[in-house]
Structure formats: C-alpha cells, structure tokens
Amino acid sequence: MLGALRHHLDGRRRVVAGVDERVDALAGLLSDFVLTGGKRMRPRFGLAGWSAASSADAIAPDEIVTACAALELIQACALIHDDIVDASDTRRGRPTVHRSVEAAHREHGWAGDPARYGVSQAILVGDLALTWADEMFVTSGVAPDALGRALGPWYAMKTEVLSGQMLDILAESSGATDELTPTRVNRFKTAAYTVERPLHIGAELAGAGDDTVAALREFGVAVGQAFQLRDDMLGVYGDPEVTGKPSGDDLREGKRTLLLARGLALAPTGDADFLLAVLGTDLDPAELERARRVLVDSGAVASVEAEIDSLTVRALDAIGSDAVSDHGRDTLRDLAEAATRRYA
C-alpha cells in the first residue's frame, strides 16, 4: 500500500516539478504528510471490504491495493483542511501543513501576512490531495466494470464527508447543544468516509452481492460512529505524547461533540454553565481539569463508553451471516477492535 502511494505521488510530483520547483516543494509537504504517518484505516477497510466478498485464498491484486490506497489521499485532504478550520498547530506530533508553510514564509522574510499565506497554500495542498485521489482511483488499473460499480460510493463518500464537515462548522458557530447534530456529524463526516464507504467501495470492486454490501455498510456505520466517539474521548482525555495533539484540544476548539452534549444534558446547572463558558477558550490547566471532572461526574463519559460498546456489538452482529466470508469477518473484527479501543 505504501509503495502504491509513493509511486503515485512521485509521478504526480514530476508533473508539478515541470511547473516550478518551488511548487514541487509545497507538493512535497503532501508527500511527507501521506507517507510518514497515519494508521491507513480507510485503505485497510477498503481492502477488508474486498476480502469480505472474495474467496478464502484470494490475495488482493496490485490494482485493488492501488484503488484502496487512494482513500488515504482523501484522508490527507480532509485532515489538512480540518486543521485549517480548527486552527490546529500540530498533527501527529508535527506542525500542521499550514503552520509549516507559515513558518517558511517567515523564514524567508516574504511580503504579506505569513498566517494568511500558510492557510492559502495549505488549502491548495489539500485540494491537490483530493485531485490526486481521484486520479489514483480511476487509473488504478481495475477492470472497467468494477470501477463503474465502485464510482457510485466513491463519489457519495466525498459529498458526505464535505457535508458532514459543513454541518460540524455550523454546529460550532450556532452553539448547538442537542445530540442529534453531533450524531449526524459523526454519521457523515466520520463514519461514512472512514468505514462505511471504504467497505462499500471494496465490496463493489469485488463484485459483491446486495446482501454482502448491506451487511458491510451496516457494520461500517456502527464502527464508524464508535470510532468518532472514541476520537471525541481522546480529544478531551488523550495523552499528547500518544495522540500528537494538545490535551483537551476539542474543548479549546469548541467542538460540539456528543460527549459535550450529553455532559450539558446530565450535569447540574452550575457545571453545565461552566462547560459552556469555557468551551472554545484557551482553558488553563485548572479549567481543563474541572471540565474533565464535570464530564465524568455527570455520567457523560460512562454513557459514551457504553454507546461505543453497544455500537461495536451491533457492528459485529451485522457481519455474522454467510453474506460475509469467514476470513473477511476475522479481519473486520480486528479492525473494529483497532478503531474503537485505540489510544491515538
């Protein structure tokens, strides 16, 4: 998978280098971002979808690996743009793309606002990732009929993740405190493009039947939502040494998560008012500790953990039929564990 990504990125960068070496240096930030970090969850789920619809002794051919690897470029686009939206300084323990470009602007003493330059170039680097994802998927070498089947969920996935991101931004700006809004954000910003659609794409590449596609999509929605709920927990309680992001970042960024909505609903009025007052501010250590304690004492943390468990059980039940191959089921169980029990 890594080899397929490197091959495609190197080929596309040769085109960029033909425009200008300075632009290629910016494209190099994308290559570094994709090749030096990440868990490759989306390509792994794509390959699992293919495996779940294939015979036991089938090994994914190179063109299927390449097609599924293209999902990592969708992820790169989403993360680079998400870091801009959230004004994040770090990602995976390193400066975010827009901060790296901003620093280069300052180092060279160029004209204009370094922060604006960093954001502008990072938006374009993210757009480049999205463009290269389409190119990698379409030119992967899979048979035309398989590609035709998979393009439907591929295009749907891109629309869903962008729509979910738009709803996420709207929720923060409008001060939404209901549970339905973060649930919808989780469903489309995360679950669809992290698990459900990659599985769907992999299954369509394998020529899966309707029963198999339905089982995989049901599994994907449940695991994807559990994945986001775990991410929400890490956004408040995660160890920066493990997550690569400052502790409590979701609270500082004003994220309208299900964890927060549940805390606001369950906490006493004074504690709920405190959470709202510090949300989206640069919490000091004492404020962060109190916010964490409110979420625990109110029962919000235990409630979200129980929901993660329930979603995981639902996911595993969905793949219990003969519609999913035995070896595919084993892989999906391992991936569900990795997605919902992770620490980063």
Protein backbone atom coordinates (compact mmCIF):
# COMPACT_ATOMS: atom_id res chain seq x y z
CA MET A 1 0.00 0.00 0.00
CA LEU A 2 2.76 2.42 0.93
CA GLY A 3 4.55 1.56 -2.30
CA ALA A 4 1.44 2.32 -4.35
CA LEU A 5 1.06 5.68 -2.65
CA ARG A 6 4.72 6.56 -3.15
CA HIS A 7 4.57 5.56 -6.83
CA HIS A 8 1.53 7.72 -7.48
CA LEU A 9 2.79 10.71 -5.52
CA ASP A 10 6.17 10.60 -7.23
CA GLY A 11 4.51 10.50 -10.64
CA ARG A 12 2.23 13.44 -9.88
CA ARG A 13 5.09 15.45 -8.41
CA ARG A 14 7.01 15.12 -11.65
CA VAL A 15 4.15 16.99 -13.30
CA VAL A 16 4.25 19.68 -10.60
CA ALA A 17 8.03 19.98 -10.88
CA GLY A 18 7.53 20.73 -14.56
CA VAL A 19 5.59 23.80 -13.48
CA ASP A 20 8.08 25.09 -10.91
CA GLU A 21 10.43 23.55 -8.36
CA ARG A 22 9.09 25.91 -5.69
CA VAL A 23 5.60 24.49 -6.19
CA ASP A 24 7.04 20.99 -6.04
CA ALA A 25 8.43 21.85 -2.60
CA LEU A 26 4.86 22.55 -1.48
CA ALA A 27 3.68 19.29 -3.04
CA GLY A 28 6.45 17.63 -1.08
CA LEU A 29 4.60 18.58 2.11
CA LEU A 30 1.72 16.43 0.90
CA SER A 31 4.02 13.51 0.16
CA ASP A 32 5.57 13.76 3.62
CA PHE A 33 2.15 14.01 5.24
CA VAL A 34 0.84 10.91 3.49
CA LEU A 35 3.94 8.72 3.61
CA THR A 36 5.29 9.36 7.11
CA GLY A 37 2.25 8.96 9.36
CA GLY A 38 -1.28 7.74 9.81
CA LYS A 39 -2.92 4.41 10.52
CA ARG A 40 -4.18 3.83 6.95
CA MET A 41 -7.59 2.91 8.38
CA ARG A 42 -9.57 3.81 5.26
CA PRO A 43 -7.48 1.78 2.80
CA ARG A 44 -7.48 -1.09 5.29
CA PHE A 45 -11.27 -1.04 5.45
CA GLY A 46 -11.40 -0.82 1.65
CA LEU A 47 -9.28 -3.96 1.35
CA ALA A 48 -11.36 -5.63 4.07
CA GLY A 49 -14.50 -4.96 2.03
CA TRP A 50 -12.89 -6.59 -0.99
CA SER A 51 -11.73 -9.54 1.13
CA ALA A 52 -15.14 -10.00 2.75
CA ALA A 53 -16.66 -10.55 -0.70
CA SER A 54 -13.84 -12.75 -2.06
CA SER A 55 -12.86 -16.38 -1.74
CA ALA A 56 -10.76 -17.53 1.20
CA ASP A 57 -7.50 -17.92 -0.74
CA ALA A 58 -7.79 -14.66 -2.67
CA ILE A 59 -4.96 -12.14 -2.33
CA ALA A 60 -5.81 -8.61 -3.39
CA PRO A 61 -4.10 -7.87 -6.73
CA ASP A 62 -2.00 -4.75 -7.17
CA GLU A 63 -4.74 -2.77 -8.88
CA ILE A 64 -7.15 -3.36 -5.97
CA VAL A 65 -4.46 -2.30 -3.48
CA THR A 66 -3.84 0.84 -5.53
CA ALA A 67 -7.54 1.71 -5.72
CA CYS A 68 -7.98 1.29 -1.97
CA ALA A 69 -4.76 3.18 -1.23
CA ALA A 70 -6.28 6.21 -2.96
CA LEU A 71 -8.54 6.55 0.07
CA GLU A 72 -5.52 7.74 2.04
CA LEU A 73 -5.33 10.82 -0.17
CA ILE A 74 -8.96 11.62 0.65
CA GLN A 75 -7.95 11.40 4.30
CA ALA A 76 -4.98 13.72 3.69
CA CYS A 77 -7.24 16.33 2.11
CA ALA A 78 -9.72 16.10 4.98
CA LEU A 79 -7.07 16.41 7.69
CA ILE A 80 -5.16 19.27 6.07
CA HIS A 81 -8.36 21.26 5.63
CA ASP A 82 -9.68 20.25 9.06
CA ASP A 83 -6.51 21.58 10.69
CA ILE A 84 -7.09 24.92 8.98
CA VAL A 85 -10.70 25.05 10.13
CA ASP A 86 -9.67 24.21 13.70
CA ALA A 87 -6.56 26.48 13.64
CA SER A 88 -4.57 23.46 14.88
CA ASP A 89 -0.83 23.84 15.41
CA THR A 90 0.12 20.16 15.40
CA ARG A 91 -0.91 16.92 13.75
CA ARG A 92 0.71 13.57 14.53
CA GLY A 93 3.19 15.37 16.77
CA ARG A 94 4.42 17.64 13.98
CA PRO A 95 3.46 21.12 12.74
CA THR A 96 0.32 21.12 10.61
CA VAL A 97 0.74 21.86 6.91
CA HIS A 98 -0.50 25.44 7.17
CA ARG A 99 1.83 26.13 10.11
CA SER A 100 4.80 24.64 8.21
CA VAL A 101 4.14 26.90 5.22
CA GLU A 102 3.60 29.88 7.51
CA ALA A 103 6.99 29.22 9.14
CA ALA A 104 8.69 29.07 5.72
CA HIS A 105 7.17 32.44 4.82
CA ARG A 106 8.60 33.98 7.99
CA GLU A 107 11.98 32.33 7.49
CA HIS A 108 12.34 33.85 4.02
CA GLY A 109 11.03 37.23 5.07
CA TRP A 110 8.47 37.38 2.27
CA ALA A 111 5.89 40.12 1.91
CA GLY A 112 2.37 39.85 3.31
CA ASP A 113 0.84 38.02 6.25
CA PRO A 114 2.61 34.70 6.97
CA ALA A 115 -0.52 33.13 8.53
CA ARG A 116 -2.69 34.02 5.55
CA TYR A 117 -0.06 32.65 3.18
CA GLY A 118 0.14 29.42 5.17
CA VAL A 119 -3.63 28.92 5.07
CA SER A 120 -3.85 29.76 1.36
CA GLN A 121 -1.17 27.30 0.32
CA ALA A 122 -2.43 24.57 2.65
CA ILE A 123 -5.92 24.84 1.14
CA LEU A 124 -4.36 24.23 -2.27
CA VAL A 125 -2.23 21.35 -0.98
CA GLY A 126 -5.42 19.75 0.36
CA ASP A 127 -7.13 20.33 -2.98
CA LEU A 128 -4.17 18.68 -4.66
CA ALA A 129 -4.64 15.62 -2.44
CA LEU A 130 -8.31 15.40 -3.44
CA THR A 131 -7.43 15.69 -7.14
CA TRP A 132 -4.69 13.10 -6.91
CA ALA A 133 -7.02 10.73 -5.03
CA ASP A 134 -9.44 10.75 -7.99
CA GLU A 135 -6.58 10.22 -10.43
CA MET A 136 -5.15 7.34 -8.42
CA PHE A 137 -8.53 5.64 -8.07
CA VAL A 138 -9.56 5.98 -11.71
CA THR A 139 -6.15 4.98 -13.11
CA SER A 140 -5.62 2.13 -10.64
CA GLY A 141 -5.98 -0.47 -13.36
CA VAL A 142 -9.10 -2.19 -12.02
CA ALA A 143 -11.45 -3.58 -14.65
CA PRO A 144 -13.88 -1.03 -16.14
CA ASP A 145 -16.97 -2.83 -14.84
CA ALA A 146 -15.55 -2.96 -11.30
CA LEU A 147 -14.55 0.69 -11.48
CA GLY A 148 -18.03 1.61 -12.68
CA ARG A 149 -19.62 -0.15 -9.70
CA ALA A 150 -17.25 1.49 -7.21
CA LEU A 151 -17.54 5.05 -8.54
CA GLY A 152 -21.03 5.45 -7.04
CA PRO A 153 -19.92 5.02 -3.40
CA TRP A 154 -16.64 6.85 -4.17
CA TYR A 155 -18.49 9.99 -5.26
CA ALA A 156 -21.09 9.65 -2.50
CA MET A 157 -18.32 9.41 0.10
CA LYS A 158 -16.76 12.71 -0.97
CA THR A 159 -20.09 14.55 -0.86
CA GLU A 160 -20.97 13.04 2.52
CA VAL A 161 -17.69 13.97 4.23
CA LEU A 162 -17.84 17.55 2.95
CA SER A 163 -21.47 17.87 4.01
CA GLY A 164 -20.63 16.49 7.44
CA GLN A 165 -17.78 18.96 7.80
CA MET A 166 -20.08 21.83 6.84
CA LEU A 167 -22.59 20.71 9.47
CA ASP A 168 -19.79 20.45 12.04
CA ILE A 169 -18.71 24.06 11.43
CA LEU A 170 -22.34 25.20 11.52
CA ALA A 171 -22.86 23.42 14.85
CA GLU A 172 -19.89 25.18 16.45
CA SER A 173 -20.86 28.62 15.16
CA SER A 174 -24.54 28.28 16.06
CA GLY A 175 -23.80 26.89 19.53
CA ALA A 176 -25.77 23.69 19.03
CA THR A 177 -26.20 21.70 22.24
CA ASP A 178 -28.57 18.96 21.01
CA GLU A 179 -27.49 15.33 20.49
CA LEU A 180 -28.95 14.95 17.00
CA THR A 181 -26.50 17.38 15.40
CA PRO A 182 -23.26 15.68 16.58
CA THR A 183 -24.82 12.30 15.76
CA ARG A 184 -25.38 13.42 12.17
CA VAL A 185 -21.87 14.88 12.01
CA ASN A 186 -20.45 11.57 13.26
CA ARG A 187 -22.53 9.66 10.72
CA PHE A 188 -21.39 11.57 7.66
CA LYS A 189 -18.17 13.40 8.50
CA THR A 190 -16.57 10.31 10.02
CA ALA A 191 -18.50 7.03 9.78
CA ALA A 192 -19.29 7.26 6.07
CA TYR A 193 -15.84 8.07 4.77
CA THR A 194 -13.82 6.25 7.44
CA VAL A 195 -15.53 2.87 7.43
CA GLU A 196 -18.86 2.51 5.62
CA ARG A 197 -17.93 3.80 2.15
CA PRO A 198 -14.43 2.27 2.07
CA LEU A 199 -16.04 -1.10 2.83
CA HIS A 200 -18.71 -0.41 0.22
CA ILE A 201 -16.08 0.55 -2.36
CA GLY A 202 -14.01 -2.56 -1.66
CA ALA A 203 -17.08 -4.78 -1.90
CA GLU A 204 -18.12 -3.25 -5.22
CA LEU A 205 -14.61 -3.76 -6.58
CA ALA A 206 -15.02 -7.45 -5.72
CA GLY A 207 -18.48 -7.67 -7.32
CA ALA A 208 -20.27 -8.32 -4.03
CA GLY A 209 -23.96 -9.17 -3.88
CA ASP A 210 -26.58 -6.96 -2.29
CA ASP A 211 -26.64 -8.92 0.98
CA THR A 212 -22.89 -8.58 1.42
CA VAL A 213 -22.94 -4.85 0.64
CA ALA A 214 -25.81 -4.30 3.09
CA ALA A 215 -24.05 -6.22 5.89
CA LEU A 216 -20.80 -4.36 5.35
CA ARG A 217 -22.49 -0.97 5.27
CA GLU A 218 -24.39 -1.69 8.49
CA PHE A 219 -21.12 -2.77 10.12
CA GLY A 220 -19.41 0.33 8.73
CA VAL A 221 -21.95 2.82 10.07
CA ALA A 222 -21.78 1.33 13.57
CA VAL A 223 -17.99 1.03 13.74
CA GLY A 224 -17.53 4.45 12.15
CA GLN A 225 -19.74 6.11 14.75
CA ALA A 226 -17.95 4.26 17.55
CA PHE A 227 -14.63 5.37 16.02
CA GLN A 228 -15.71 9.03 16.22
CA LEU A 229 -16.99 8.67 19.77
CA ARG A 230 -13.59 7.26 20.75
CA ASP A 231 -11.98 10.21 18.97
CA ASP A 232 -14.18 12.57 20.99
CA MET A 233 -12.98 10.93 24.19
CA LEU A 234 -9.35 11.30 23.09
CA GLY A 235 -10.00 14.93 22.23
CA VAL A 236 -10.65 15.60 25.92
CA TYR A 237 -8.68 12.91 27.77
CA GLY A 238 -5.99 11.84 25.29
CA ASP A 239 -2.28 11.85 26.13
CA PRO A 240 -0.48 14.40 23.87
CA GLU A 241 2.54 12.08 23.73
CA VAL A 242 0.33 9.45 22.14
CA THR A 243 -2.22 11.48 20.14
CA GLY A 244 0.20 14.11 18.82
CA LYS A 245 -2.25 16.90 19.72
CA PRO A 246 -2.55 19.08 22.85
CA SER A 247 -4.66 17.60 25.62
CA GLY A 248 -8.21 18.97 25.75
CA ASP A 249 -7.99 20.35 22.21
CA ASP A 250 -11.65 19.61 21.45
CA LEU A 251 -12.74 21.84 24.32
CA ARG A 252 -10.42 24.66 23.25
CA GLU A 253 -11.67 24.41 19.68
CA GLY A 254 -15.32 24.47 20.81
CA LYS A 255 -16.15 21.08 19.30
CA ARG A 256 -19.86 20.24 19.60
CA THR A 257 -19.44 16.55 20.29
CA LEU A 258 -21.92 14.01 21.62
CA LEU A 259 -19.76 13.79 24.76
CA LEU A 260 -20.25 17.52 25.33
CA ALA A 261 -23.97 17.45 24.52
CA ARG A 262 -24.50 14.61 26.96
CA GLY A 263 -22.47 16.37 29.63
CA LEU A 264 -24.53 19.52 29.24
CA ALA A 265 -27.74 17.49 29.50
CA LEU A 266 -26.68 15.46 32.54
CA ALA A 267 -24.61 17.91 34.61
CA PRO A 268 -26.09 20.19 37.29
CA THR A 269 -26.89 23.67 36.03
CA GLY A 270 -23.79 25.29 37.51
CA ASP A 271 -21.46 22.72 35.96
CA ALA A 272 -23.24 22.88 32.61
CA ASP A 273 -22.91 26.66 32.62
CA PHE A 274 -19.20 26.30 33.37
CA LEU A 275 -18.72 23.95 30.41
CA LEU A 276 -20.43 26.39 28.07
CA ALA A 277 -18.41 29.30 29.46
CA VAL A 278 -15.00 27.68 28.85
CA LEU A 279 -15.88 25.94 25.58
CA GLY A 280 -13.90 27.44 22.72
CA THR A 281 -11.49 29.29 25.03
CA ASP A 282 -7.84 28.71 25.90
CA LEU A 283 -8.53 26.74 29.08
CA ASP A 284 -5.87 26.88 31.76
CA PRO A 285 -4.90 23.59 33.47
CA ALA A 286 -7.37 24.12 36.35
CA GLU A 287 -10.27 24.84 33.99
CA LEU A 288 -9.41 21.82 31.84
CA GLU A 289 -9.29 19.57 34.89
CA ARG A 290 -12.66 20.84 36.12
CA ALA A 291 -14.26 20.38 32.67
CA ARG A 292 -12.99 16.81 32.54
CA ARG A 293 -14.31 16.14 36.03
CA VAL A 294 -17.75 17.53 35.13
CA LEU A 295 -17.97 15.17 32.17
CA VAL A 296 -17.03 12.22 34.36
CA ASP A 297 -19.15 13.12 37.39
CA SER A 298 -22.23 13.83 35.25
CA GLY A 299 -22.10 10.34 33.80
CA ALA A 300 -21.43 11.59 30.26
CA VAL A 301 -18.16 9.67 29.92
CA ALA A 302 -19.69 6.40 31.13
CA SER A 303 -22.67 6.95 28.83
CA VAL A 304 -20.48 7.47 25.75
CA GLU A 305 -18.32 4.45 26.64
CA ALA A 306 -21.49 2.36 26.86
CA GLU A 307 -22.57 3.66 23.46
CA ILE A 308 -19.22 2.70 21.96
CA ASP A 309 -19.69 -0.83 23.33
CA SER A 310 -23.26 -1.02 22.01
CA LEU A 311 -22.25 0.17 18.54
CA THR A 312 -19.41 -2.35 18.43
CA VAL A 313 -21.77 -5.22 19.32
CA ARG A 314 -24.21 -4.03 16.64
CA ALA A 315 -21.40 -3.96 14.09
CA LEU A 316 -20.23 -7.47 14.88
CA ASP A 317 -23.81 -8.79 14.72
CA ALA A 318 -24.15 -7.27 11.24
CA ILE A 319 -21.36 -9.44 9.81
CA GLY A 320 -22.42 -12.66 11.47
CA SER A 321 -24.20 -14.10 8.42
CA ASP A 322 -22.90 -16.10 5.46
CA ALA A 323 -23.02 -12.92 3.38
CA VAL A 324 -19.52 -12.16 4.68
CA SER A 325 -16.65 -14.60 4.17
CA ASP A 326 -15.08 -16.18 7.27
CA HIS A 327 -11.65 -14.68 6.64
CA GLY A 328 -13.25 -11.32 5.90
CA ARG A 329 -15.16 -11.47 9.17
CA ASP A 330 -11.95 -12.12 11.11
CA THR A 331 -10.29 -9.10 9.52
CA LEU A 332 -13.29 -6.89 10.23
CA ARG A 333 -13.34 -7.94 13.88
CA ASP A 334 -9.69 -6.98 14.22
CA LEU A 335 -10.30 -3.63 12.54
CA ALA A 336 -13.31 -2.93 14.76
CA GLU A 337 -11.13 -3.53 17.80
CA ALA A 338 -8.40 -1.23 16.45
CA ALA A 339 -10.90 1.52 15.62
CA THR A 340 -12.83 1.54 18.88
CA ARG A 341 -10.22 0.65 21.51
CA ARG A 342 -7.38 2.86 20.27
CA TYR A 343 -5.45 5.42 22.32
CA ALA A 344 -4.48 7.74 19.45
